[in-house]
Amino acid sequence: HANLALPGSNGDQRRWVIEGLRSCAARAASLGLLLASENVDDPSARPLMGHGRDCREICEAVDSNSYRLIYDAGAALHLGDDPLNTLHEMAPYMCHVHVKNTRRLMPGENKERYVEAENGQQYVSTTLETGEVDLVPILTELNRLKYDGHMLIEYQGEDDPRIALEHNVRYLRTLLQEVGDH
C-alpha cells in the first residue's frame, strides 16, 4: 500500500477531510448528486474513516444531505470492530452496502493479496459464506432497518472473480430470501 497519510496531526487531517467533503457535498448538491464514503479498511485511511463511529462523526460534521455513508461489512474486522456494531454506528447515514467476507490467513499460508489488520493479523478475501463475517445478523438488521438500497458484492480474492461473483450472487440471494421469510 502506498502511504497516503497527510502531514499534520490526525485532528488537522480530520478538519481537512471535513472541509473538503463539505465543499464536495455542496457541489454534489448543486448537481443533484450524492457523494458517499465507506468505512475504509486500507491502512493509510483507517485513522480517519476506518471505524464506523469515525465515519458517522465525519458525516455529522459535513452536515449535508448530499453526503452519506457506504457500509462495508467486511472492513470492520480489519479494525478489530464488530461488523454489526459498525452497521449500527453508520445506519443513520447509510446509503449503500458493500457485502464482502474475509478470513484470517493460517500460519504458513501465503497469499499474494491480503489486508493487514490493525492488530497485525493478515486477512484474505473469501466467498461470502466462507469468511468470518456472519452475514445473517447483518442482513437481518438491514431488513429490520427497512434498508431498500443497493448492495454491492465485493470480492478481492485470488480465485477467478467471475466464478466467485456468480457463486456469491446465488448465496446472497438465498440469504436474503431466508432473512425476508422471518
C-alpha atoms as a PDB file:
ATOM      1  CA  HIS A   1       0.000   0.000   0.000  1.00  0.00           C
ATOM      2  CA  ALA A   2       1.191   3.489  -0.787  1.00  0.00           C
ATOM      3  CA  ASN A   3       1.465   5.782   2.201  1.00  0.00           C
ATOM      4  CA  LEU A   4      -1.312   8.290   1.636  1.00  0.00           C
ATOM      5  CA  ALA A   5      -1.014   9.916   5.060  1.00  0.00           C
ATOM      6  CA  LEU A   6      -1.124  13.688   5.084  1.00  0.00           C
ATOM      7  CA  PRO A   7       1.274  15.806   7.129  1.00  0.00           C
ATOM      8  CA  GLY A   8      -0.023  17.225  10.384  1.00  0.00           C
ATOM      9  CA  SER A   9      -1.903  15.703  13.278  1.00  0.00           C
ATOM     10  CA  ASN A  10      -4.893  13.411  12.966  1.00  0.00           C
ATOM     11  CA  GLY A  11      -7.031  16.336  14.125  1.00  0.00           C
ATOM     12  CA  ASP A  12      -5.647  18.534  11.328  1.00  0.00           C
ATOM     13  CA  GLN A  13      -6.280  15.794   8.784  1.00  0.00           C
ATOM     14  CA  ARG A  14      -9.816  15.296  10.086  1.00  0.00           C
ATOM     15  CA  ARG A  15     -10.570  19.029   9.696  1.00  0.00           C
ATOM     16  CA  TRP A  16      -9.161  19.000   6.146  1.00  0.00           C
ATOM     17  CA  VAL A  17     -11.273  15.962   5.259  1.00  0.00           C
ATOM     18  CA  ILE A  18     -14.423  17.574   6.674  1.00  0.00           C
ATOM     19  CA  GLU A  19     -13.758  20.879   4.891  1.00  0.00           C
ATOM     20  CA  GLY A  20     -13.082  19.075   1.624  1.00  0.00           C
ATOM     21  CA  LEU A  21     -16.159  16.889   1.935  1.00  0.00           C
ATOM     22  CA  ARG A  22     -18.332  19.918   2.756  1.00  0.00           C
ATOM     23  CA  SER A  23     -17.120  21.599  -0.425  1.00  0.00           C
ATOM     24  CA  CYS A  24     -17.634  18.443  -2.498  1.00  0.00           C
ATOM     25  CA  ALA A  25     -21.074  17.833  -0.948  1.00  0.00           C
ATOM     26  CA  ALA A  26     -22.135  21.389  -1.800  1.00  0.00           C
ATOM     27  CA  ARG A  27     -21.044  20.841  -5.398  1.00  0.00           C
ATOM     28  CA  ALA A  28     -22.776  17.444  -5.475  1.00  0.00           C
ATOM     29  CA  ALA A  29     -25.972  19.044  -4.160  1.00  0.00           C
ATOM     30  CA  SER A  30     -25.846  21.710  -6.890  1.00  0.00           C
ATOM     31  CA  LEU A  31     -25.680  18.921  -9.481  1.00  0.00           C
ATOM     32  CA  GLY A  32     -28.329  16.732  -7.862  1.00  0.00           C
ATOM     33  CA  LEU A  33     -25.752  14.084  -6.954  1.00  0.00           C
ATOM     34  CA  LEU A  34     -24.970  12.102  -3.836  1.00  0.00           C
ATOM     35  CA  LEU A  35     -21.408  11.826  -2.541  1.00  0.00           C
ATOM     36  CA  ALA A  36     -20.571   8.802  -0.368  1.00  0.00           C
ATOM     37  CA  SER A  37     -17.618   7.350   1.565  1.00  0.00           C
ATOM     38  CA  GLU A  38     -17.211   3.936   3.109  1.00  0.00           C
ATOM     39  CA  ASN A  39     -15.644   2.659   6.296  1.00  0.00           C
ATOM     40  CA  VAL A  40     -12.233   2.039   4.801  1.00  0.00           C
ATOM     41  CA  ASP A  41     -10.006  -0.928   5.572  1.00  0.00           C
ATOM     42  CA  ASP A  42      -6.964   0.474   3.747  1.00  0.00           C
ATOM     43  CA  PRO A  43      -4.278   1.083   6.393  1.00  0.00           C
ATOM     44  CA  SER A  44      -3.493   4.623   5.226  1.00  0.00           C
ATOM     45  CA  ALA A  45      -7.124   5.771   5.577  1.00  0.00           C
ATOM     46  CA  ARG A  46      -8.093   3.870   8.735  1.00  0.00           C
ATOM     47  CA  PRO A  47      -7.191   6.625  11.207  1.00  0.00           C
ATOM     48  CA  LEU A  48      -9.774   8.943   9.646  1.00  0.00           C
ATOM     49  CA  MET A  49     -12.556   6.781   8.241  1.00  0.00           C
ATOM     50  CA  GLY A  50     -11.941   3.206   9.291  1.00  0.00           C
ATOM     51  CA  HIS A  51     -14.221   2.861  12.291  1.00  0.00           C
ATOM     52  CA  GLY A  52     -17.970   3.253  11.886  1.00  0.00           C
ATOM     53  CA  ARG A  53     -18.115   5.882  14.630  1.00  0.00           C
ATOM     54  CA  ASP A  54     -15.474   7.977  12.815  1.00  0.00           C
ATOM     55  CA  CYS A  55     -17.466   7.768   9.581  1.00  0.00           C
ATOM     56  CA  ARG A  56     -20.644   8.786  11.410  1.00  0.00           C
ATOM     57  CA  GLU A  57     -18.926  11.709  13.175  1.00  0.00           C
ATOM     58  CA  ILE A  58     -17.448  12.987   9.900  1.00  0.00           C
ATOM     59  CA  CYS A  59     -20.818  12.660   8.167  1.00  0.00           C
ATOM     60  CA  GLU A  60     -22.461  14.596  11.009  1.00  0.00           C
ATOM     61  CA  ALA A  61     -19.776  17.297  10.770  1.00  0.00           C
ATOM     62  CA  VAL A  62     -20.173  17.613   6.980  1.00  0.00           C
ATOM     63  CA  ASP A  63     -23.889  18.102   7.686  1.00  0.00           C
ATOM     64  CA  SER A  64     -25.228  17.692   4.156  1.00  0.00           C
ATOM     65  CA  ASN A  65     -27.986  15.531   2.721  1.00  0.00           C
ATOM     66  CA  SER A  66     -25.715  15.168  -0.308  1.00  0.00           C
ATOM     67  CA  TYR A  67     -23.071  13.282   1.682  1.00  0.00           C
ATOM     68  CA  ARG A  68     -23.779   9.806   3.035  1.00  0.00           C
ATOM     69  CA  LEU A  69     -22.015   6.597   4.037  1.00  0.00           C
ATOM     70  CA  ILE A  70     -21.333   3.231   2.449  1.00  0.00           C
ATOM     71  CA  TYR A  71     -21.298   0.393   4.966  1.00  0.00           C
ATOM     72  CA  ASP A  72     -18.650  -2.260   4.241  1.00  0.00           C
ATOM     73  CA  ALA A  73     -19.496  -5.416   6.177  1.00  0.00           C
ATOM     74  CA  GLY A  74     -16.005  -6.905   5.961  1.00  0.00           C
ATOM     75  CA  ALA A  75     -13.902  -3.830   6.702  1.00  0.00           C
ATOM     76  CA  ALA A  76     -14.830  -3.767  10.401  1.00  0.00           C
ATOM     77  CA  LEU A  77     -12.887  -6.974  11.104  1.00  0.00           C
ATOM     78  CA  HIS A  78      -9.649  -5.383   9.943  1.00  0.00           C
ATOM     79  CA  LEU A  79     -10.061  -2.711  12.603  1.00  0.00           C
ATOM     80  CA  GLY A  80     -11.000  -5.108  15.391  1.00  0.00           C
ATOM     81  CA  ASP A  81     -14.615  -3.917  15.310  1.00  0.00           C
ATOM     82  CA  ASP A  82     -17.793  -5.956  15.309  1.00  0.00           C
ATOM     83  CA  PRO A  83     -19.457  -5.676  11.861  1.00  0.00           C
ATOM     84  CA  LEU A  84     -22.951  -5.478  13.376  1.00  0.00           C
ATOM     85  CA  ASN A  85     -21.929  -2.670  15.761  1.00  0.00           C
ATOM     86  CA  THR A  86     -20.347  -0.839  12.838  1.00  0.00           C
ATOM     87  CA  LEU A  87     -23.639  -1.137  10.946  1.00  0.00           C
ATOM     88  CA  HIS A  88     -25.495   0.389  13.900  1.00  0.00           C
ATOM     89  CA  GLU A  89     -22.999   3.259  14.075  1.00  0.00           C
ATOM     90  CA  MET A  90     -23.338   4.068  10.382  1.00  0.00           C
ATOM     91  CA  ALA A  91     -27.020   3.238   9.803  1.00  0.00           C
ATOM     92  CA  PRO A  92     -28.471   6.757  10.228  1.00  0.00           C
ATOM     93  CA  TYR A  93     -26.389   7.993   7.281  1.00  0.00           C
ATOM     94  CA  MET A  94     -26.074   4.816   5.211  1.00  0.00           C
ATOM     95  CA  CYS A  95     -26.948   4.977   1.515  1.00  0.00           C
ATOM     96  CA  HIS A  96     -25.231   1.860   0.155  1.00  0.00           C
ATOM     97  CA  VAL A  97     -23.914  -1.511   1.377  1.00  0.00           C
ATOM     98  CA  HIS A  98     -20.839  -3.484   0.368  1.00  0.00           C
ATOM     99  CA  VAL A  99     -21.206  -7.166   1.157  1.00  0.00           C
ATOM    100  CA  LYS A 100     -17.903  -8.979   1.418  1.00  0.00           C
ATOM    101  CA  ASN A 101     -16.238 -11.547   3.577  1.00  0.00           C
ATOM    102  CA  THR A 102     -12.749 -12.197   4.766  1.00  0.00           C
ATOM    103  CA  ARG A 103     -10.834 -14.690   6.866  1.00  0.00           C
ATOM    104  CA  ARG A 104      -7.546 -14.791   8.714  1.00  0.00           C
ATOM    105  CA  LEU A 105      -4.588 -16.309   6.949  1.00  0.00           C
ATOM    106  CA  MET A 106      -3.491 -19.503   8.638  1.00  0.00           C
ATOM    107  CA  PRO A 107       0.107 -19.866   9.903  1.00  0.00           C
ATOM    108  CA  GLY A 108       2.340 -20.766   6.973  1.00  0.00           C
ATOM    109  CA  GLU A 109      -0.326 -19.858   4.417  1.00  0.00           C
ATOM    110  CA  ASN A 110       0.852 -17.378   1.799  1.00  0.00           C
ATOM    111  CA  LYS A 111      -1.425 -15.283  -0.387  1.00  0.00           C
ATOM    112  CA  GLU A 112      -0.426 -12.570  -2.795  1.00  0.00           C
ATOM    113  CA  ARG A 113      -3.425 -10.400  -1.915  1.00  0.00           C
ATOM    114  CA  TYR A 114      -4.195  -9.728   1.726  1.00  0.00           C
ATOM    115  CA  VAL A 115      -5.044  -6.906   4.102  1.00  0.00           C
ATOM    116  CA  GLU A 116      -3.118  -6.447   7.305  1.00  0.00           C
ATOM    117  CA  ALA A 117      -5.418  -5.680  10.223  1.00  0.00           C
ATOM    118  CA  GLU A 118      -4.746  -3.138  12.947  1.00  0.00           C
ATOM    119  CA  ASN A 119      -3.524  -5.981  15.197  1.00  0.00           C
ATOM    120  CA  GLY A 120      -1.081  -7.260  12.538  1.00  0.00           C
ATOM    121  CA  GLN A 121      -3.242 -10.259  11.576  1.00  0.00           C
ATOM    122  CA  GLN A 122      -3.423 -10.827   7.822  1.00  0.00           C
ATOM    123  CA  TYR A 123      -6.825 -11.340   6.189  1.00  0.00           C
ATOM    124  CA  VAL A 124      -7.711 -12.605   2.744  1.00  0.00           C
ATOM    125  CA  SER A 125     -10.933 -12.082   0.801  1.00  0.00           C
ATOM    126  CA  THR A 126     -13.221 -15.107   0.563  1.00  0.00           C
ATOM    127  CA  THR A 127     -16.533 -16.072  -0.896  1.00  0.00           C
ATOM    128  CA  LEU A 128     -19.406 -14.807   1.202  1.00  0.00           C
ATOM    129  CA  GLU A 129     -20.115 -17.984   3.156  1.00  0.00           C
ATOM    130  CA  THR A 130     -16.519 -18.979   3.954  1.00  0.00           C
ATOM    131  CA  GLY A 131     -15.344 -15.883   5.828  1.00  0.00           C
ATOM    132  CA  GLU A 132     -15.544 -14.733   9.421  1.00  0.00           C
ATOM    133  CA  VAL A 133     -18.305 -12.152   8.948  1.00  0.00           C
ATOM    134  CA  ASP A 134     -21.657 -13.659   9.913  1.00  0.00           C
ATOM    135  CA  LEU A 135     -23.835 -12.110   7.243  1.00  0.00           C
ATOM    136  CA  VAL A 136     -27.189 -13.374   8.555  1.00  0.00           C
ATOM    137  CA  PRO A 137     -27.384 -10.929  11.503  1.00  0.00           C
ATOM    138  CA  ILE A 138     -26.239  -8.087   9.247  1.00  0.00           C
ATOM    139  CA  LEU A 139     -28.862  -8.855   6.599  1.00  0.00           C
ATOM    140  CA  THR A 140     -31.472  -9.332   9.316  1.00  0.00           C
ATOM    141  CA  GLU A 141     -30.634  -5.916  10.746  1.00  0.00           C
ATOM    142  CA  LEU A 142     -30.710  -4.293   7.306  1.00  0.00           C
ATOM    143  CA  ASN A 143     -34.171  -5.825   6.879  1.00  0.00           C
ATOM    144  CA  ARG A 144     -35.243  -4.527  10.307  1.00  0.00           C
ATOM    145  CA  LEU A 145     -33.959  -1.059   9.360  1.00  0.00           C
ATOM    146  CA  LYS A 146     -36.010  -1.326   6.151  1.00  0.00           C
ATOM    147  CA  TYR A 147     -32.899  -0.734   4.075  1.00  0.00           C
ATOM    148  CA  ASP A 148     -34.016  -0.797   0.463  1.00  0.00           C
ATOM    149  CA  GLY A 149     -30.874   0.468  -1.258  1.00  0.00           C
ATOM    150  CA  HIS A 150     -28.369  -1.321  -3.398  1.00  0.00           C
ATOM    151  CA  MET A 151     -25.885  -3.948  -2.259  1.00  0.00           C
ATOM    152  CA  LEU A 152     -22.579  -4.425  -3.977  1.00  0.00           C
ATOM    153  CA  ILE A 153     -20.812  -7.765  -3.667  1.00  0.00           C
ATOM    154  CA  GLU A 154     -17.148  -7.018  -3.144  1.00  0.00           C
ATOM    155  CA  TYR A 155     -14.647  -9.770  -3.827  1.00  0.00           C
ATOM    156  CA  GLN A 156     -10.887  -9.189  -3.743  1.00  0.00           C
ATOM    157  CA  GLY A 157      -9.659 -12.765  -3.555  1.00  0.00           C
ATOM    158  CA  GLU A 158      -7.279 -14.687  -5.767  1.00  0.00           C
ATOM    159  CA  ASP A 159      -9.835 -17.047  -7.337  1.00  0.00           C
ATOM    160  CA  ASP A 160     -11.415 -16.223 -10.690  1.00  0.00           C
ATOM    161  CA  PRO A 161     -13.710 -13.290  -9.832  1.00  0.00           C
ATOM    162  CA  ARG A 162     -16.266 -14.300 -12.471  1.00  0.00           C
ATOM    163  CA  ILE A 163     -16.780 -17.659 -10.755  1.00  0.00           C
ATOM    164  CA  ALA A 164     -16.664 -16.147  -7.260  1.00  0.00           C
ATOM    165  CA  LEU A 165     -19.188 -13.473  -8.203  1.00  0.00           C
ATOM    166  CA  GLU A 166     -21.646 -15.946  -9.699  1.00  0.00           C
ATOM    167  CA  HIS A 167     -21.344 -18.081  -6.567  1.00  0.00           C
ATOM    168  CA  ASN A 168     -21.711 -15.069  -4.247  1.00  0.00           C
ATOM    169  CA  VAL A 169     -24.792 -13.773  -6.053  1.00  0.00           C
ATOM    170  CA  ARG A 170     -26.544 -17.132  -5.620  1.00  0.00           C
ATOM    171  CA  TYR A 171     -25.503 -17.317  -1.960  1.00  0.00           C
ATOM    172  CA  LEU A 172     -26.593 -13.748  -1.182  1.00  0.00           C
ATOM    173  CA  ARG A 173     -29.966 -14.284  -2.873  1.00  0.00           C
ATOM    174  CA  THR A 174     -30.512 -17.382  -0.727  1.00  0.00           C
ATOM    175  CA  LEU A 175     -29.626 -15.479   2.455  1.00  0.00           C
ATOM    176  CA  LEU A 176     -31.846 -12.539   1.538  1.00  0.00           C
ATOM    177  CA  GLN A 177     -34.750 -14.880   0.905  1.00  0.00           C
ATOM    178  CA  GLU A 178     -34.186 -16.638   4.251  1.00  0.00           C
ATOM    179  CA  VAL A 179     -33.951 -13.330   6.123  1.00  0.00           C
ATOM    180  CA  GLY A 180     -37.032 -11.995   4.348  1.00  0.00           C
ATOM    181  CA  ASP A 181     -39.029 -15.096   5.257  1.00  0.00           C
ATOM    182  CA  HIS A 182     -38.585 -14.483   9.004  1.00  0.00           C
END
